[in-house]
Protein backbone atom coordinates (compact mmCIF):
# COMPACT_ATOMS: atom_id res chain seq x y z
CA MET A 1 76.43 51.32 7.79
CA THR A 2 72.82 51.21 8.81
CA ARG A 3 70.77 48.45 7.18
CA SER A 4 67.06 48.69 6.72
CA PRO A 5 64.70 46.61 8.72
CA GLU A 6 64.06 44.33 5.68
CA ILE A 7 67.59 43.52 5.26
CA ARG A 8 68.39 42.82 8.99
CA ALA A 9 65.26 40.61 8.88
CA ALA A 10 66.35 38.52 5.97
CA MET A 11 69.81 38.09 7.37
CA ARG A 12 68.48 36.64 10.22
CA HIS A 13 67.02 33.94 8.43
CA TRP A 14 70.57 33.16 7.63
CA SER A 15 72.16 33.20 11.07
CA ALA A 16 72.74 29.71 11.76
CA LEU A 17 74.48 28.96 8.33
CA PRO A 18 77.94 29.95 9.19
CA LEU A 19 77.65 28.43 12.83
CA ARG A 20 76.53 24.91 11.21
CA LEU A 21 79.35 25.21 8.20
CA MET A 22 81.82 25.87 10.82
CA VAL A 23 80.58 23.31 13.55
CA GLY A 24 79.93 20.41 10.90
CA GLY A 25 82.85 21.20 8.72
CA GLY A 26 85.08 21.04 11.83
CA PHE A 27 83.92 17.72 13.12
CA LEU A 28 84.15 16.41 9.62
CA VAL A 29 87.80 17.29 9.09
CA HIS A 30 88.93 15.94 12.57
CA GLY A 31 87.13 12.68 12.30
CA TYR A 32 88.62 12.28 8.64
CA LEU A 33 92.12 13.28 9.80
CA LYS A 34 91.72 10.44 12.82
CA LEU A 35 90.84 8.04 10.04
CA GLY A 36 93.59 8.83 8.00
CA ARG A 37 96.16 8.43 10.57
CA GLY A 38 94.79 5.15 11.72
CA VAL A 39 92.01 4.65 14.26
CA ASP A 40 94.51 2.28 16.12
CA VAL A 41 96.77 5.14 16.58
CA PHE A 42 93.86 7.13 18.28
CA ALA A 43 92.93 4.10 20.46
CA ALA A 44 96.61 4.13 21.89
CA ALA A 45 96.04 7.73 22.51
CA LEU A 46 92.79 7.04 24.58
CA ALA A 47 94.59 4.11 26.21
CA GLY A 48 97.12 6.35 27.63
CA LEU A 49 94.59 8.85 28.82
CA HIS A 50 92.79 5.78 30.68
CA ILE A 51 89.95 5.87 28.49
CA PRO A 52 88.05 2.40 29.28
CA ALA A 53 87.53 0.39 26.04
CA PRO A 54 89.98 2.65 24.02
CA LEU A 55 89.59 0.88 20.39
CA ILE A 56 85.76 0.80 20.92
CA MET A 57 85.92 4.56 22.10
CA ALA A 58 88.23 5.59 19.06
CA TRP A 59 85.75 4.21 16.58
CA THR A 60 82.78 5.72 18.33
CA THR A 61 84.22 9.02 18.22
CA VAL A 62 85.51 8.87 14.78
CA THR A 63 82.09 7.49 13.69
CA ILE A 64 80.36 10.73 15.44
CA GLU A 65 82.44 12.95 14.20
CA LEU A 66 82.25 11.96 10.61
CA LEU A 67 78.55 11.51 10.62
CA ALA A 68 77.51 14.30 12.90
CA GLY A 69 79.60 16.66 10.76
CA VAL A 70 78.01 15.51 7.81
CA ALA A 71 74.67 16.02 9.23
CA VAL A 72 75.50 19.32 10.73
CA LEU A 73 77.13 20.64 7.24
CA VAL A 74 73.83 19.93 5.35
CA GLY A 75 71.82 21.00 8.30
CA ALA A 76 69.99 17.80 8.77
CA TYR A 77 68.92 16.71 12.47
CA VAL A 78 70.87 19.13 13.97
CA THR A 79 69.06 19.09 17.42
CA LEU A 80 69.74 15.31 17.33
CA MET A 81 73.45 15.46 16.30
CA SER A 82 74.20 17.97 18.90
CA VAL A 83 73.81 15.35 21.79
CA PRO A 84 76.69 13.08 20.53
CA MET A 85 78.76 16.31 19.62
CA SER A 86 78.30 17.52 22.98
CA ILE A 87 79.49 14.29 24.64
CA VAL A 88 82.50 14.05 22.50
CA LEU A 89 83.47 17.70 23.46
CA GLY A 90 82.94 17.14 27.03
CA VAL A 91 85.24 14.17 27.21
CA ALA A 92 87.87 16.02 25.31
CA ILE A 93 87.76 18.89 27.87
CA VAL A 94 87.64 16.69 30.84
CA LYS A 95 90.00 14.15 29.94
CA VAL A 96 92.61 16.19 27.80
CA HIS A 97 92.37 19.70 27.48
CA ALA A 98 91.43 21.05 30.94
CA GLN A 99 94.75 20.27 32.45
CA PHE A 100 96.30 22.71 29.97
CA GLY A 101 94.26 25.79 31.01
CA PHE A 102 92.13 27.86 28.86
CA SER A 103 93.83 29.08 25.75
CA SER A 104 94.14 26.96 22.76
CA ILE A 105 97.17 29.04 21.35
CA LYS A 106 100.11 29.18 23.46
CA PHE A 107 102.92 30.77 21.58
CA LEU A 108 106.24 29.73 23.01
CA ALA A 109 109.06 30.55 20.69
CA VAL A 110 110.25 30.70 17.26
CA THR A 111 112.95 28.08 16.34
CA GLU A 112 114.58 26.90 12.96
CA ALA A 113 111.75 24.71 12.56
CA GLY A 114 109.17 27.63 12.72
CA PRO A 115 106.82 28.89 15.49
CA GLN A 116 106.41 26.75 18.50
CA PHE A 117 103.25 26.18 20.44
CA GLY A 118 102.29 24.97 23.76
CA LYS A 119 99.72 22.26 24.44
CA PRO A 120 96.05 23.40 23.74
CA GLY A 121 93.52 24.31 26.51
CA VAL A 122 89.72 24.24 26.62
CA GLU A 123 89.03 27.44 24.57
CA CYS A 124 88.45 25.72 21.24
CA ASP A 125 86.13 23.03 22.74
CA LEU A 126 83.89 25.76 24.55
CA LEU A 127 83.79 27.64 21.17
CA TYR A 128 82.35 24.60 19.46
CA LEU A 129 80.08 24.08 22.45
CA ALA A 130 78.71 27.69 22.13
CA CYS A 131 78.17 27.36 18.55
CA ILE A 132 76.19 24.09 18.80
CA ALA A 133 74.08 26.11 21.67
CA ALA A 134 73.40 28.75 19.20
CA LEU A 135 72.34 26.58 16.54
CA LEU A 136 69.82 25.13 19.01
CA LEU A 137 68.33 28.23 19.88
CA LEU A 138 68.30 29.65 16.07
CA PRO A 139 65.85 28.57 13.59
CA PRO A 140 67.14 26.39 10.85
CA ASP A 141 68.50 28.52 7.81
CA PRO A 142 66.70 28.23 4.36
CA ALA A 143 69.44 26.22 3.14
CA SER A 144 69.41 23.39 5.50
CA LEU A 145 67.67 20.01 5.26
CA ASP A 146 66.11 20.77 8.60
CA HIS A 147 64.42 23.81 7.04
CA TRP A 148 62.75 21.82 3.96
CA ARG A 149 61.75 19.03 6.39
CA ALA A 150 59.65 21.88 8.61
CA ARG A 151 58.20 23.05 5.51
CA ARG A 152 57.16 19.68 4.15
CA ASN A 153 55.74 18.82 7.54
CA LEU A 154 53.83 21.95 7.92
CA ALA A 155 52.30 21.34 4.18
CA ALA A 156 51.34 18.13 5.24
CA GLY A 157 49.72 18.94 8.30
CA PHE A 158 47.71 21.57 6.61
CA ARG A 159 46.63 18.82 3.99
CA ARG A 160 45.55 16.64 6.62
CA LEU A 161 43.66 19.53 8.58
CA TRP A 162 41.72 20.69 5.48
CA GLY A 163 41.14 17.44 4.31
CA ARG A 164 43.52 17.66 1.06
CA GLY A 165 41.36 20.87 0.16
CA ASP A 166 37.88 18.70 0.14
CA LEU A 167 36.73 20.81 3.32
CA ALA A 168 35.53 24.16 1.99
CA LEU A 169 35.02 27.19 4.42
CA ARG A 170 31.62 28.65 5.09
CA SER A 171 30.32 32.02 5.93
CA PRO A 172 29.33 32.45 9.49
CA VAL A 173 26.46 34.36 8.16
CA THR A 174 25.35 31.43 6.21
CA GLU A 175 25.64 29.04 8.97
CA VAL A 176 23.45 31.75 11.11
CA ARG A 177 20.96 32.03 8.19
CA ASP A 178 20.54 28.36 7.91
CA VAL A 179 19.68 27.75 11.56
CA ARG A 180 17.36 30.52 11.54
CA ARG A 181 15.56 29.00 8.55
CA GLU A 182 15.38 25.83 10.35
CA GLU A 183 13.59 27.29 13.42
CA HIS A 184 11.66 30.28 11.83
CA GLY A 185 11.48 29.81 8.32
CA PRO A 186 13.45 31.83 5.73
CA VAL A 187 15.11 35.04 7.00
CA PRO A 188 14.18 38.21 5.27
CA LEU A 189 16.31 40.10 3.17
CA GLU A 190 16.50 43.09 5.65
CA GLU A 191 17.52 40.66 8.42
CA GLN A 192 20.07 39.19 6.06
CA ALA A 193 21.76 42.43 5.50
CA ARG A 194 21.39 43.19 9.53
CA LEU A 195 23.24 40.07 10.16
CA ALA A 196 26.06 40.61 7.44
CA ARG A 197 26.80 44.06 8.97
CA GLU A 198 26.97 42.76 12.61
CA SER A 199 29.13 40.07 11.30
CA GLY A 200 31.73 42.51 9.52
CA TYR A 201 30.69 40.75 5.99
CA ALA A 202 29.06 43.99 4.39
């Protein structure tokens, strides 16, 4: 079905919404699960991967996943949050998933316990990184806090620029007429009409 240009333009404003909901929600869920199982358990896993200071790194990872997940979920400071999120994903790729190849879904067999899958590769991490990159390239969607912060900052900038409404715009014709009056006396009505036509105000 062909959509009108107006509908496509309106939909483009919301392009970032599904991406940030997926990225923010995914990070939030991962952080919540680690916290629920116990950060000590996650720290032990990091120690097995030879990550230095595993307990500190475990708490750092969980904190990033929770805080950055909430921030991206509501669309707040997405650009800033993308840095620690990308670092967490990069470490996961290098230290955990790269050794298992690309695919994150490796179907092995069906047993009495149900479907059996192999260890996940880097596919899911790369998809998260691609979504984060898209969020950095796209403007904030209208439902995000970044969008409302940008609008507020723009309005504040206009208020400062125009002196909170105290600065009145003056016509260029008036400016020319004032200069002529100072130098040569009052400008005749015929000359005022000519100046207005030349300036596009008549």
